[in-house]
């Protein structure tokens, strides 16, 4: 159970990090470096990135809610739902934006989902 909880929290923390990058650092040097954007592109797409960051925050909130509810009880289906959303978003991002997203988002989500699904 501790492994599953730790992995769900790790995925939540990753999505909070994505939120900060996309909502607050997108057009700053750190955000531009992480995403490989020019200053012009970052400025032009700042509102879209912030919207994307907000969605990452919702994923993190759902995952933390599932842990709070208890992965051995009512929180388990909540965790599986939000982890499935993470995996789907990661797969879509890997297909449309960068293959790196497969390893940064989809893989951690899938590993956490497996841990929650198979925990005893």
PDB file of N, CA and C in Angstrom:
ATOM      1  N   UNK A   1       0.835  -1.201   0.000  1.00  0.00           N
ATOM      2  CA  UNK A   1       0.000   0.000   0.000  1.00  0.00           C
ATOM      3  C   UNK A   1       0.870   1.252   0.000  1.00  0.00           C
ATOM      4  N   UNK A   2       1.959   1.229   0.766  1.00  0.00           N
ATOM      5  CA  UNK A   2       2.835   2.406   0.852  1.00  0.00           C
ATOM      6  C   UNK A   2       3.456   2.737  -0.504  1.00  0.00           C
ATOM      7  N   UNK A   3       3.797   1.707  -1.280  1.00  0.00           N
ATOM      8  CA  UNK A   3       4.365   1.939  -2.617  1.00  0.00           C
ATOM      9  C   UNK A   3       3.337   2.637  -3.504  1.00  0.00           C
ATOM     10  N   UNK A   4       2.096   2.141  -3.481  1.00  0.00           N
ATOM     11  CA  UNK A   4       1.040   2.738  -4.302  1.00  0.00           C
ATOM     12  C   UNK A   4       0.794   4.185  -3.906  1.00  0.00           C
ATOM     13  N   UNK A   5       0.711   4.447  -2.614  1.00  0.00           N
ATOM     14  CA  UNK A   5       0.492   5.821  -2.137  1.00  0.00           C
ATOM     15  C   UNK A   5       1.644   6.717  -2.587  1.00  0.00           C
ATOM     16  N   UNK A   6       2.866   6.229  -2.422  1.00  0.00           N
ATOM     17  CA  UNK A   6       4.038   7.022  -2.804  1.00  0.00           C
ATOM     18  C   UNK A   6       4.039   7.344  -4.292  1.00  0.00           C
ATOM     19  N   UNK A   7       3.677   6.360  -5.114  1.00  0.00           N
ATOM     20  CA  UNK A   7       3.665   6.591  -6.562  1.00  0.00           C
ATOM     21  C   UNK A   7       2.556   7.558  -6.973  1.00  0.00           C
ATOM     22  N   UNK A   8       1.398   7.449  -6.353  1.00  0.00           N
ATOM     23  CA  UNK A   8       0.294   8.380  -6.665  1.00  0.00           C
ATOM     24  C   UNK A   8       0.697   9.798  -6.260  1.00  0.00           C
ATOM     25  N   UNK A   9       1.291   9.946  -5.087  1.00  0.00           N
ATOM     26  CA  UNK A   9       1.738  11.273  -4.646  1.00  0.00           C
ATOM     27  C   UNK A   9       2.827  11.801  -5.577  1.00  0.00           C
ATOM     28  N   UNK A  10       3.743  10.940  -6.010  1.00  0.00           N
ATOM     29  CA  UNK A  10       4.789  11.360  -6.949  1.00  0.00           C
ATOM     30  C   UNK A  10       4.182  11.896  -8.246  1.00  0.00           C
ATOM     31  N   UNK A  11       3.201  11.193  -8.788  1.00  0.00           N
ATOM     32  CA  UNK A  11       2.546  11.660 -10.021  1.00  0.00           C
ATOM     33  C   UNK A  11       1.837  12.984  -9.763  1.00  0.00           C
ATOM     34  N   UNK A  12       1.211  13.131  -8.607  1.00  0.00           N
ATOM     35  CA  UNK A  12       0.554  14.400  -8.266  1.00  0.00           C
ATOM     36  C   UNK A  12       1.573  15.529  -8.201  1.00  0.00           C
ATOM     37  N   UNK A  13       2.709  15.274  -7.571  1.00  0.00           N
ATOM     38  CA  UNK A  13       3.758  16.301  -7.465  1.00  0.00           C
ATOM     39  C   UNK A  13       4.291  16.665  -8.847  1.00  0.00           C
ATOM     40  N   UNK A  14       4.471  15.669  -9.712  1.00  0.00           N
ATOM     41  CA  UNK A  14       4.898  15.960 -11.088  1.00  0.00           C
ATOM     42  C   UNK A  14       3.911  16.905 -11.764  1.00  0.00           C
ATOM     43  N   UNK A  15       2.617  16.670 -11.566  1.00  0.00           N
ATOM     44  CA  UNK A  15       1.619  17.523 -12.219  1.00  0.00           C
ATOM     45  C   UNK A  15       1.533  18.907 -11.586  1.00  0.00           C
ATOM     46  N   UNK A  16       1.846  19.010 -10.309  1.00  0.00           N
ATOM     47  CA  UNK A  16       1.955  20.346  -9.713  1.00  0.00           C
ATOM     48  C   UNK A  16       3.153  21.084 -10.295  1.00  0.00           C
ATOM     49  N   UNK A  17       4.235  20.361 -10.541  1.00  0.00           N
ATOM     50  CA  UNK A  17       5.415  20.949 -11.197  1.00  0.00           C
ATOM     51  C   UNK A  17       5.055  21.421 -12.610  1.00  0.00           C
ATOM     52  N   UNK A  18       4.307  20.585 -13.350  1.00  0.00           N
ATOM     53  CA  UNK A  18       3.866  20.986 -14.693  1.00  0.00           C
ATOM     54  C   UNK A  18       3.000  22.239 -14.615  1.00  0.00           C
ATOM     55  N   UNK A  19       2.125  22.310 -13.606  1.00  0.00           N
ATOM     56  CA  UNK A  19       1.284  23.486 -13.406  1.00  0.00           C
ATOM     57  C   UNK A  19       2.147  24.730 -13.257  1.00  0.00           C
ATOM     58  N   UNK A  20       3.143  24.666 -12.408  1.00  0.00           N
ATOM     59  CA  UNK A  20       4.016  25.833 -12.178  1.00  0.00           C
ATOM     60  C   UNK A  20       4.742  26.210 -13.463  1.00  0.00           C
ATOM     61  N   UNK A  21       5.290  25.221 -14.145  1.00  0.00           N
ATOM     62  CA  UNK A  21       5.997  25.509 -15.400  1.00  0.00           C
ATOM     63  C   UNK A  21       5.081  26.172 -16.423  1.00  0.00           C
ATOM     64  N   UNK A  22       3.884  25.643 -16.581  1.00  0.00           N
ATOM     65  CA  UNK A  22       3.001  26.120 -17.641  1.00  0.00           C
ATOM     66  C   UNK A  22       2.240  27.388 -17.277  1.00  0.00           C
ATOM     67  N   UNK A  23       1.900  27.559 -16.012  1.00  0.00           N
ATOM     68  CA  UNK A  23       1.119  28.729 -15.629  1.00  0.00           C
ATOM     69  C   UNK A  23       1.980  29.937 -15.267  1.00  0.00           C
ATOM     70  N   UNK A  24       3.144  29.693 -14.685  1.00  0.00           N
ATOM     71  CA  UNK A  24       3.928  30.801 -14.133  1.00  0.00           C
ATOM     72  C   UNK A  24       5.304  30.984 -14.769  1.00  0.00           C
ATOM     73  N   UNK A  25       5.872  29.930 -15.336  1.00  0.00           N
ATOM     74  CA  UNK A  25       7.240  30.024 -15.864  1.00  0.00           C
ATOM     75  C   UNK A  25       7.319  29.862 -17.380  1.00  0.00           C
ATOM     76  N   UNK A  26       6.196  29.724 -18.042  1.00  0.00           N
ATOM     77  CA  UNK A  26       6.153  29.437 -19.472  1.00  0.00           C
ATOM     78  C   UNK A  26       7.001  30.406 -20.300  1.00  0.00           C
ATOM     79  N   UNK A  27       6.864  31.694 -20.025  1.00  0.00           N
ATOM     80  CA  UNK A  27       7.584  32.692 -20.822  1.00  0.00           C
ATOM     81  C   UNK A  27       8.844  33.204 -20.125  1.00  0.00           C
ATOM     82  N   UNK A  28       9.213  32.566 -19.035  1.00  0.00           N
ATOM     83  CA  UNK A  28      10.450  32.911 -18.330  1.00  0.00           C
ATOM     84  C   UNK A  28      11.569  32.020 -18.856  1.00  0.00           C
ATOM     85  N   UNK A  29      12.830  32.364 -18.594  1.00  0.00           N
ATOM     86  CA  UNK A  29      13.944  31.549 -19.102  1.00  0.00           C
ATOM     87  C   UNK A  29      13.846  30.065 -18.722  1.00  0.00           C
ATOM     88  N   UNK A  30      13.438  29.775 -17.499  1.00  0.00           N
ATOM     89  CA  UNK A  30      13.330  28.368 -17.081  1.00  0.00           C
ATOM     90  C   UNK A  30      12.297  27.623 -17.908  1.00  0.00           C
ATOM     91  N   UNK A  31      11.129  28.201 -18.048  1.00  0.00           N
ATOM     92  CA  UNK A  31      10.067  27.563 -18.821  1.00  0.00           C
ATOM     93  C   UNK A  31      10.434  27.413 -20.280  1.00  0.00           C
ATOM     94  N   UNK A  32      11.032  28.461 -20.854  1.00  0.00           N
ATOM     95  CA  UNK A  32      11.442  28.384 -22.263  1.00  0.00           C
ATOM     96  C   UNK A  32      12.481  27.284 -22.455  1.00  0.00           C
ATOM     97  N   UNK A  33      13.387  27.144 -21.502  1.00  0.00           N
ATOM     98  CA  UNK A  33      14.429  26.109 -21.612  1.00  0.00           C
ATOM     99  C   UNK A  33      13.817  24.713 -21.513  1.00  0.00           C
ATOM    100  N   UNK A  34      12.931  24.506 -20.549  1.00  0.00           N
ATOM    101  CA  UNK A  34      12.314  23.186 -20.362  1.00  0.00           C
ATOM    102  C   UNK A  34      11.555  22.760 -21.605  1.00  0.00           C
ATOM    103  N   UNK A  35      10.810  23.685 -22.203  1.00  0.00           N
ATOM    104  CA  UNK A  35       9.972  23.343 -23.344  1.00  0.00           C
ATOM    105  C   UNK A  35      10.622  23.646 -24.695  1.00  0.00           C
ATOM    106  N   UNK A  36      11.798  24.259 -24.679  1.00  0.00           N
ATOM    107  CA  UNK A  36      12.495  24.552 -25.926  1.00  0.00           C
ATOM    108  C   UNK A  36      11.783  25.592 -26.778  1.00  0.00           C
ATOM    109  N   UNK A  37      11.185  26.585 -26.144  1.00  0.00           N
ATOM    110  CA  UNK A  37      10.438  27.619 -26.866  1.00  0.00           C
ATOM    111  C   UNK A  37      11.252  28.890 -27.024  1.00  0.00           C
ATOM    112  N   UNK A  38      10.970  29.598 -28.084  1.00  0.00           N
ATOM    113  CA  UNK A  38      11.542  30.929 -28.253  1.00  0.00           C
ATOM    114  C   UNK A  38      10.744  31.900 -27.401  1.00  0.00           C
ATOM    115  N   UNK A  39      11.319  33.053 -27.153  1.00  0.00           N
ATOM    116  CA  UNK A  39      10.609  34.077 -26.378  1.00  0.00           C
ATOM    117  C   UNK A  39       9.324  34.493 -27.097  1.00  0.00           C
ATOM    118  N   UNK A  40       9.389  34.597 -28.409  1.00  0.00           N
ATOM    119  CA  UNK A  40       8.213  35.013 -29.185  1.00  0.00           C
ATOM    120  C   UNK A  40       7.085  33.985 -29.078  1.00  0.00           C
ATOM    121  N   UNK A  41       7.443  32.709 -29.261  1.00  0.00           N
ATOM    122  CA  UNK A  41       6.420  31.664 -29.175  1.00  0.00           C
ATOM    123  C   UNK A  41       5.843  31.601 -27.768  1.00  0.00           C
ATOM    124  N   UNK A  42       6.700  31.690 -26.750  1.00  0.00           N
ATOM    125  CA  UNK A  42       6.242  31.626 -25.357  1.00  0.00           C
ATOM    126  C   UNK A  42       5.269  32.757 -25.051  1.00  0.00           C
ATOM    127  N   UNK A  43       5.573  33.947 -25.535  1.00  0.00           N
ATOM    128  CA  UNK A  43       4.682  35.085 -25.309  1.00  0.00           C
ATOM    129  C   UNK A  43       3.347  34.877 -26.015  1.00  0.00           C
ATOM    130  N   UNK A  44       3.404  34.398 -27.252  1.00  0.00           N
ATOM    131  CA  UNK A  44       2.182  34.212 -28.040  1.00  0.00           C
ATOM    132  C   UNK A  44       1.302  33.087 -27.493  1.00  0.00           C
ATOM    133  N   UNK A  45       1.891  32.092 -26.844  1.00  0.00           N
ATOM    134  CA  UNK A  45       1.127  30.918 -26.403  1.00  0.00           C
ATOM    135  C   UNK A  45       0.935  30.870 -24.888  1.00  0.00           C
ATOM    136  N   UNK A  46       1.259  31.951 -24.207  1.00  0.00           N
ATOM    137  CA  UNK A  46       1.220  31.981 -22.747  1.00  0.00           C
ATOM    138  C   UNK A  46      -0.161  31.620 -22.185  1.00  0.00           C
ATOM    139  N   UNK A  47      -1.224  32.143 -22.755  1.00  0.00           N
ATOM    140  CA  UNK A  47      -2.572  31.877 -22.246  1.00  0.00           C
ATOM    141  C   UNK A  47      -2.938  30.409 -22.457  1.00  0.00           C
ATOM    142  N   UNK A  48      -2.569  29.853 -23.596  1.00  0.00           N
ATOM    143  CA  UNK A  48      -2.846  28.433 -23.849  1.00  0.00           C
ATOM    144  C   UNK A  48      -2.087  27.552 -22.868  1.00  0.00           C
ATOM    145  N   UNK A  49      -0.838  27.894 -22.604  1.00  0.00           N
ATOM    146  CA  UNK A  49      -0.032  27.115 -21.662  1.00  0.00           C
ATOM    147  C   UNK A  49      -0.613  27.191 -20.250  1.00  0.00           C
ATOM    148  N   UNK A  50      -1.091  28.352 -19.868  1.00  0.00           N
ATOM    149  CA  UNK A  50      -1.689  28.508 -18.543  1.00  0.00           C
ATOM    150  C   UNK A  50      -2.927  27.632 -18.411  1.00  0.00           C
ATOM    151  N   UNK A  51      -3.721  27.565 -19.452  1.00  0.00           N
ATOM    152  CA  UNK A  51      -4.899  26.704 -19.456  1.00  0.00           C
ATOM    153  C   UNK A  51      -4.479  25.241 -19.289  1.00  0.00           C
ATOM    154  N   UNK A  52      -3.456  24.853 -20.000  1.00  0.00           N
ATOM    155  CA  UNK A  52      -2.927  23.495 -19.901  1.00  0.00           C
ATOM    156  C   UNK A  52      -2.410  23.226 -18.483  1.00  0.00           C
ATOM    157  N   UNK A  53      -1.742  24.198 -17.901  1.00  0.00           N
ATOM    158  CA  UNK A  53      -1.247  24.060 -16.534  1.00  0.00           C
ATOM    159  C   UNK A  53      -2.373  23.878 -15.538  1.00  0.00           C
ATOM    160  N   UNK A  54      -3.462  24.593 -15.754  1.00  0.00           N
ATOM    161  CA  UNK A  54      -4.620  24.464 -14.874  1.00  0.00           C
ATOM    162  C   UNK A  54      -5.156  23.034 -14.891  1.00  0.00           C
ATOM    163  N   UNK A  55      -5.241  22.438 -16.077  1.00  0.00           N
ATOM    164  CA  UNK A  55      -5.688  21.050 -16.177  1.00  0.00           C
ATOM    165  C   UNK A  55      -4.742  20.114 -15.432  1.00  0.00           C
ATOM    166  N   UNK A  56      -3.445  20.369 -15.502  1.00  0.00           N
ATOM    167  CA  UNK A  56      -2.497  19.554 -14.741  1.00  0.00           C
ATOM    168  C   UNK A  56      -2.739  19.702 -13.247  1.00  0.00           C
ATOM    169  N   UNK A  57      -3.117  20.888 -12.826  1.00  0.00           N
ATOM    170  CA  UNK A  57      -3.461  21.093 -11.429  1.00  0.00           C
ATOM    171  C   UNK A  57      -4.685  20.291 -11.023  1.00  0.00           C
ATOM    172  N   UNK A  58      -5.671  20.201 -11.899  1.00  0.00           N
ATOM    173  CA  UNK A  58      -6.858  19.390 -11.608  1.00  0.00           C
ATOM    174  C   UNK A  58      -6.491  17.915 -11.463  1.00  0.00           C
ATOM    175  N   UNK A  59      -5.581  17.444 -12.316  1.00  0.00           N
ATOM    176  CA  UNK A  59      -5.132  16.053 -12.195  1.00  0.00           C
ATOM    177  C   UNK A  59      -4.457  15.831 -10.841  1.00  0.00           C
ATOM    178  N   UNK A  60      -3.577  16.753 -10.466  1.00  0.00           N
ATOM    179  CA  UNK A  60      -2.892  16.643  -9.168  1.00  0.00           C
ATOM    180  C   UNK A  60      -3.900  16.652  -8.024  1.00  0.00           C
ATOM    181  N   UNK A  61      -4.874  17.546  -8.085  1.00  0.00           N
ATOM    182  CA  UNK A  61      -5.876  17.639  -7.029  1.00  0.00           C
ATOM    183  C   UNK A  61      -6.666  16.332  -6.908  1.00  0.00           C
ATOM    184  N   UNK A  62      -7.045  15.766  -8.035  1.00  0.00           N
ATOM    185  CA  UNK A  62      -7.778  14.503  -8.017  1.00  0.00           C
ATOM    186  C   UNK A  62      -6.955  13.371  -7.427  1.00  0.00           C
ATOM    187  N   UNK A  63      -5.684  13.331  -7.754  1.00  0.00           N
ATOM    188  CA  UNK A  63      -4.820  12.284  -7.215  1.00  0.00           C
ATOM    189  C   UNK A  63      -4.624  12.446  -5.714  1.00  0.00           C
ATOM    190  N   UNK A  64      -4.413  13.667  -5.269  1.00  0.00           N
ATOM    191  CA  UNK A  64      -4.250  13.905  -3.825  1.00  0.00           C
ATOM    192  C   UNK A  64      -5.557  13.615  -3.083  1.00  0.00           C
ATOM    193  N   UNK A  65      -6.674  13.935  -3.687  1.00  0.00           N
ATOM    194  CA  UNK A  65      -7.983  13.617  -3.111  1.00  0.00           C
ATOM    195  C   UNK A  65      -8.123  12.107  -2.938  1.00  0.00           C
ATOM    196  N   UNK A  66      -7.680  11.346  -3.947  1.00  0.00           N
ATOM    197  CA  UNK A  66      -7.799   9.890  -3.863  1.00  0.00           C
ATOM    198  C   UNK A  66      -6.978   9.337  -2.700  1.00  0.00           C
ATOM    199  N   UNK A  67      -5.794   9.892  -2.479  1.00  0.00           N
ATOM    200  CA  UNK A  67      -4.959   9.449  -1.355  1.00  0.00           C
ATOM    201  C   UNK A  67      -5.638   9.807  -0.036  1.00  0.00           C
ATOM    202  N   UNK A  68      -6.188  11.007   0.029  1.00  0.00           N
ATOM    203  CA  UNK A  68      -6.891  11.450   1.234  1.00  0.00           C
ATOM    204  C   UNK A  68      -8.084  10.534   1.528  1.00  0.00           C
ATOM    205  N   UNK A  69      -8.778  10.090   0.487  1.00  0.00           N
ATOM    206  CA  UNK A  69      -9.936   9.203   0.656  1.00  0.00           C
ATOM    207  C   UNK A  69      -9.508   7.786   1.044  1.00  0.00           C
ATOM    208  N   UNK A  70      -8.257   7.444   0.760  1.00  0.00           N
ATOM    209  CA  UNK A  70      -7.745   6.116   1.112  1.00  0.00           C
ATOM    210  C   UNK A  70      -7.722   5.185  -0.082  1.00  0.00           C
ATOM    211  N   UNK A  71      -6.516   4.812  -0.506  1.00  0.00           N
ATOM    212  CA  UNK A  71      -6.401   3.950  -1.683  1.00  0.00           C
ATOM    213  C   UNK A  71      -6.904   2.536  -1.431  1.00  0.00           C
ATOM    214  N   UNK A  72      -7.079   2.183  -0.160  1.00  0.00           N
ATOM    215  CA  UNK A  72      -7.632   0.876   0.164  1.00  0.00           C
ATOM    216  C   UNK A  72      -9.155   0.883   0.224  1.00  0.00           C
ATOM    217  N   UNK A  73      -9.737   2.033  -0.026  1.00  0.00           N
ATOM    218  CA  UNK A  73     -11.196   2.160   0.067  1.00  0.00           C
ATOM    219  C   UNK A  73     -11.746   3.015  -1.055  1.00  0.00           C
ATOM    220  N   UNK A  74     -12.469   4.072  -0.661  1.00  0.00           N
ATOM    221  CA  UNK A  74     -13.172   4.927  -1.626  1.00  0.00           C
ATOM    222  C   UNK A  74     -12.218   5.652  -2.580  1.00  0.00           C
ATOM    223  N   UNK A  75     -10.981   5.844  -2.179  1.00  0.00           N
ATOM    224  CA  UNK A  75     -10.037   6.561  -3.028  1.00  0.00           C
ATOM    225  C   UNK A  75      -9.480   5.751  -4.183  1.00  0.00           C
ATOM    226  N   UNK A  76      -9.604   4.422  -4.103  1.00  0.00           N
ATOM    227  CA  UNK A  76      -9.021   3.583  -5.150  1.00  0.00           C
ATOM    228  C   UNK A  76      -9.604   3.869  -6.542  1.00  0.00           C
ATOM    229  N   UNK A  77     -10.932   3.853  -6.720  1.00  0.00           N
ATOM    230  CA  UNK A  77     -11.453   4.152  -8.056  1.00  0.00           C
ATOM    231  C   UNK A  77     -11.170   5.590  -8.491  1.00  0.00           C
ATOM    232  N   UNK A  78     -11.093   6.494  -7.541  1.00  0.00           N
ATOM    233  CA  UNK A  78     -10.759   7.886  -7.878  1.00  0.00           C
ATOM    234  C   UNK A  78      -9.330   7.948  -8.408  1.00  0.00           C
ATOM    235  N   UNK A  79      -8.412   7.277  -7.727  1.00  0.00           N
ATOM    236  CA  UNK A  79      -7.016   7.249  -8.169  1.00  0.00           C
ATOM    237  C   UNK A  79      -6.910   6.625  -9.555  1.00  0.00           C
ATOM    238  N   UNK A  80      -7.587   5.506  -9.760  1.00  0.00           N
ATOM    239  CA  UNK A  80      -7.514   4.834 -11.066  1.00  0.00           C
ATOM    240  C   UNK A  80      -8.068   5.711 -12.178  1.00  0.00           C
ATOM    241  N   UNK A  81      -9.153   6.440 -11.890  1.00  0.00           N
ATOM    242  CA  UNK A  81      -9.709   7.352 -12.900  1.00  0.00           C
ATOM    243  C   UNK A  81      -8.697   8.448 -13.261  1.00  0.00           C
ATOM    244  N   UNK A  82      -8.167   9.129 -12.238  1.00  0.00           N
ATOM    245  CA  UNK A  82      -7.248  10.229 -12.524  1.00  0.00           C
ATOM    246  C   UNK A  82      -5.939   9.737 -13.126  1.00  0.00           C
ATOM    247  N   UNK A  83      -5.471   8.569 -12.717  1.00  0.00           N
ATOM    248  CA  UNK A  83      -4.255   8.016 -13.326  1.00  0.00           C
ATOM    249  C   UNK A  83      -4.513   7.631 -14.783  1.00  0.00           C
ATOM    250  N   UNK A  84      -5.702   7.133 -15.080  1.00  0.00           N
ATOM    251  CA  UNK A  84      -6.048   6.849 -16.478  1.00  0.00           C
ATOM    252  C   UNK A  84      -6.047   8.139 -17.292  1.00  0.00           C
ATOM    253  N   UNK A  85      -6.559   9.221 -16.718  1.00  0.00           N
ATOM    254  CA  UNK A  85      -6.523  10.520 -17.398  1.00  0.00           C
ATOM    255  C   UNK A  85      -5.086  10.961 -17.653  1.00  0.00           C
ATOM    256  N   UNK A  86      -4.220  10.755 -16.674  1.00  0.00           N
ATOM    257  CA  UNK A  86      -2.802  11.105 -16.815  1.00  0.00           C
ATOM    258  C   UNK A  86      -2.179  10.313 -17.956  1.00  0.00           C
ATOM    259  N   UNK A  87      -2.445   9.017 -17.994  1.00  0.00           N
ATOM    260  CA  UNK A  87      -1.866   8.162 -19.039  1.00  0.00           C
ATOM    261  C   UNK A  87      -2.381   8.575 -20.416  1.00  0.00           C
ATOM    262  N   UNK A  88      -3.674   8.791 -20.542  1.00  0.00           N
ATOM    263  CA  UNK A  88      -4.242   9.197 -21.834  1.00  0.00           C
ATOM    264  C   UNK A  88      -3.655  10.534 -22.281  1.00  0.00           C
ATOM    265  N   UNK A  89      -3.564  11.496 -21.360  1.00  0.00           N
ATOM    266  CA  UNK A  89      -2.980  12.794 -21.706  1.00  0.00           C
ATOM    267  C   UNK A  89      -1.519  12.630 -22.108  1.00  0.00           C
ATOM    268  N   UNK A  90      -0.805  11.767 -21.406  1.00  0.00           N
ATOM    269  CA  UNK A  90       0.596  11.526 -21.733  1.00  0.00           C
ATOM    270  C   UNK A  90       0.768  10.870 -23.092  1.00  0.00           C
ATOM    271  N   UNK A  91      -0.085   9.909 -23.401  1.00  0.00           N
ATOM    272  CA  UNK A  91      -0.016   9.255 -24.715  1.00  0.00           C
ATOM    273  C   UNK A  91      -0.334  10.248 -25.832  1.00  0.00           C
ATOM    274  N   UNK A  92      -1.362  11.058 -25.618  1.00  0.00           N
ATOM    275  CA  UNK A  92      -1.726  12.063 -26.628  1.00  0.00           C
ATOM    276  C   UNK A  92      -0.589  13.077 -26.812  1.00  0.00           C
ATOM    277  N   UNK A  93      -0.018  13.526 -25.695  1.00  0.00           N
ATOM    278  CA  UNK A  93       1.097  14.465 -25.782  1.00  0.00           C
ATOM    279  C   UNK A  93       2.298  13.861 -26.485  1.00  0.00           C
ATOM    280  N   UNK A  94       2.559  12.587 -26.234  1.00  0.00           N
ATOM    281  CA  UNK A  94       3.688  11.915 -26.893  1.00  0.00           C
ATOM    282  C   UNK A  94       3.464  11.796 -28.399  1.00  0.00           C
ATOM    283  N   UNK A  95       2.209  11.589 -28.795  1.00  0.00           N
ATOM    284  CA  UNK A  95       1.894  11.461 -30.219  1.00  0.00           C
ATOM    285  C   UNK A  95       1.875  12.807 -30.936  1.00  0.00           C
ATOM    286  N   UNK A  96       1.510  13.864 -30.227  1.00  0.00           N
ATOM    287  CA  UNK A  96       1.289  15.142 -30.902  1.00  0.00           C
ATOM    288  C   UNK A  96       2.336  16.209 -30.615  1.00  0.00           C
ATOM    289  N   UNK A  97       3.021  16.123 -29.494  1.00  0.00           N
ATOM    290  CA  UNK A  97       3.937  17.201 -29.120  1.00  0.00           C
ATOM    291  C   UNK A  97       5.381  16.729 -29.008  1.00  0.00           C
ATOM    292  N   UNK A  98       5.641  15.764 -28.136  1.00  0.00           N
ATOM    293  CA  UNK A  98       7.010  15.306 -27.900  1.00  0.00           C
ATOM    294  C   UNK A  98       6.997  13.895 -27.331  1.00  0.00           C
ATOM    295  N   UNK A  99       7.811  13.041 -27.885  1.00  0.00           N
ATOM    296  CA  UNK A  99       7.902  11.657 -27.407  1.00  0.00           C
ATOM    297  C   UNK A  99       8.346  11.605 -25.943  1.00  0.00           C
ATOM    298  N   UNK A 100       9.066  12.643 -25.513  1.00  0.00           N
ATOM    299  CA  UNK A 100       9.539  12.728 -24.127  1.00  0.00           C
ATOM    300  C   UNK A 100       8.383  12.645 -23.129  1.00  0.00           C
ATOM    301  N   UNK A 101       7.203  13.124 -23.519  1.00  0.00           N
ATOM    302  CA  UNK A 101       6.033  13.128 -22.637  1.00  0.00           C
ATOM    303  C   UNK A 101       5.627  11.701 -22.269  1.00  0.00           C
ATOM    304  N   UNK A 102       5.918  10.755 -23.156  1.00  0.00           N
ATOM    305  CA  UNK A 102       5.622   9.356 -22.866  1.00  0.00           C
ATOM    306  C   UNK A 102       6.326   8.915 -21.584  1.00  0.00           C
ATOM    307  N   UNK A 103       7.565   9.353 -21.414  1.00  0.00           N
ATOM    308  CA  UNK A 103       8.368   8.927 -20.271  1.00  0.00           C
ATOM    309  C   UNK A 103       8.180   9.811 -19.041  1.00  0.00           C
ATOM    310  N   UNK A 104       7.840  11.079 -19.270  1.00  0.00           N
ATOM    311  CA  UNK A 104       7.698  12.026 -18.159  1.00  0.00           C
ATOM    312  C   UNK A 104       6.298  11.975 -17.543  1.00  0.00           C
ATOM    313  N   UNK A 105       5.292  11.664 -18.348  1.00  0.00           N
ATOM    314  CA  UNK A 105       3.918  11.701 -17.856  1.00  0.00           C
ATOM    315  C   UNK A 105       3.231  10.337 -17.934  1.00  0.00           C
ATOM    316  N   UNK A 106       3.196   9.732 -19.118  1.00  0.00           N
ATOM    317  CA  UNK A 106       2.420   8.494 -19.281  1.00  0.00           C
ATOM    318  C   UNK A 106       3.009   7.334 -18.490  1.00  0.00           C
ATOM    319  N   UNK A 107       4.312   7.141 -18.547  1.00  0.00           N
ATOM    320  CA  UNK A 107       4.929   6.005 -17.853  1.00  0.00           C
ATOM    321  C   UNK A 107       4.763   6.082 -16.335  1.00  0.00           C
ATOM    322  N   UNK A 108       5.065   7.235 -15.699  1.00  0.00           N
ATOM    323  CA  UNK A 108       4.817   7.295 -14.246  1.00  0.00           C
ATOM    324  C   UNK A 108       3.344   7.061 -13.886  1.00  0.00           C
ATOM    325  N   UNK A 109       2.434   7.579 -14.701  1.00  0.00           N
ATOM    326  CA  UNK A 109       1.014   7.359 -14.454  1.00  0.00           C
ATOM    327  C   UNK A 109       0.633   5.892 -14.574  1.00  0.00           C
ATOM    328  N   UNK A 110       1.186   5.220 -15.578  1.00  0.00           N
ATOM    329  CA  UNK A 110       0.884   3.795 -15.776  1.00  0.00           C
ATOM    330  C   UNK A 110       1.457   2.948 -14.643  1.00  0.00           C
ATOM    331  N   UNK A 111       2.670   3.266 -14.203  1.00  0.00           N
ATOM    332  CA  UNK A 111       3.279   2.513 -13.098  1.00  0.00           C
ATOM    333  C   UNK A 111       2.474   2.716 -11.816  1.00  0.00           C
ATOM    334  N   UNK A 112       2.074   3.953 -11.550  1.00  0.00           N
ATOM    335  CA  UNK A 112       1.257   4.224 -10.363  1.00  0.00           C
ATOM    336  C   UNK A 112      -0.094   3.523 -10.460  1.00  0.00           C
ATOM    337  N   UNK A 113      -0.698   3.525 -11.647  1.00  0.00           N
ATOM    338  CA  UNK A 113      -1.983   2.850 -11.817  1.00  0.00           C
ATOM    339  C   UNK A 113      -1.852   1.353 -11.577  1.00  0.00           C
ATOM    340  N   UNK A 114      -0.783   0.765 -12.071  1.00  0.00           N
ATOM    341  CA  UNK A 114      -0.558  -0.666 -11.840  1.00  0.00           C
ATOM    342  C   UNK A 114      -0.383  -0.944 -10.348  1.00  0.00           C
ATOM    343  N   UNK A 115       0.353  -0.078  -9.667  1.00  0.00           N
ATOM    344  CA  UNK A 115       0.555  -0.270  -8.228  1.00  0.00           C
ATOM    345  C   UNK A 115      -0.769  -0.182  -7.467  1.00  0.00           C
ATOM    346  N   UNK A 116      -1.619   0.768  -7.841  1.00  0.00           N
ATOM    347  CA  UNK A 116      -2.918   0.905  -7.172  1.00  0.00           C
ATOM    348  C   UNK A 116      -3.807  -0.284  -7.523  1.00  0.00           C
ATOM    349  N   UNK A 117      -3.818  -0.679  -8.774  1.00  0.00           N
ATOM    350  CA  UNK A 117      -4.680  -1.759  -9.228  1.00  0.00           C
ATOM    351  C   UNK A 117      -4.323  -3.092  -8.569  1.00  0.00           C
ATOM    352  N   UNK A 118      -3.014  -3.361  -8.459  1.00  0.00           N
ATOM    353  CA  UNK A 118      -2.559  -4.651  -7.941  1.00  0.00           C
ATOM    354  C   UNK A 118      -2.227  -4.664  -6.460  1.00  0.00           C
ATOM    355  N   UNK A 119      -2.435  -3.562  -5.760  1.00  0.00           N
ATOM    356  CA  UNK A 119      -2.092  -3.554  -4.337  1.00  0.00           C
ATOM    357  C   UNK A 119      -3.015  -4.474  -3.561  1.00  0.00           C
ATOM    358  N   UNK A 120      -2.473  -4.998  -2.483  1.00  0.00           N
ATOM    359  CA  UNK A 120      -3.276  -5.929  -1.677  1.00  0.00           C
ATOM    360  C   UNK A 120      -3.584  -5.328  -0.325  1.00  0.00           C
TER     361      UNK A 120
END
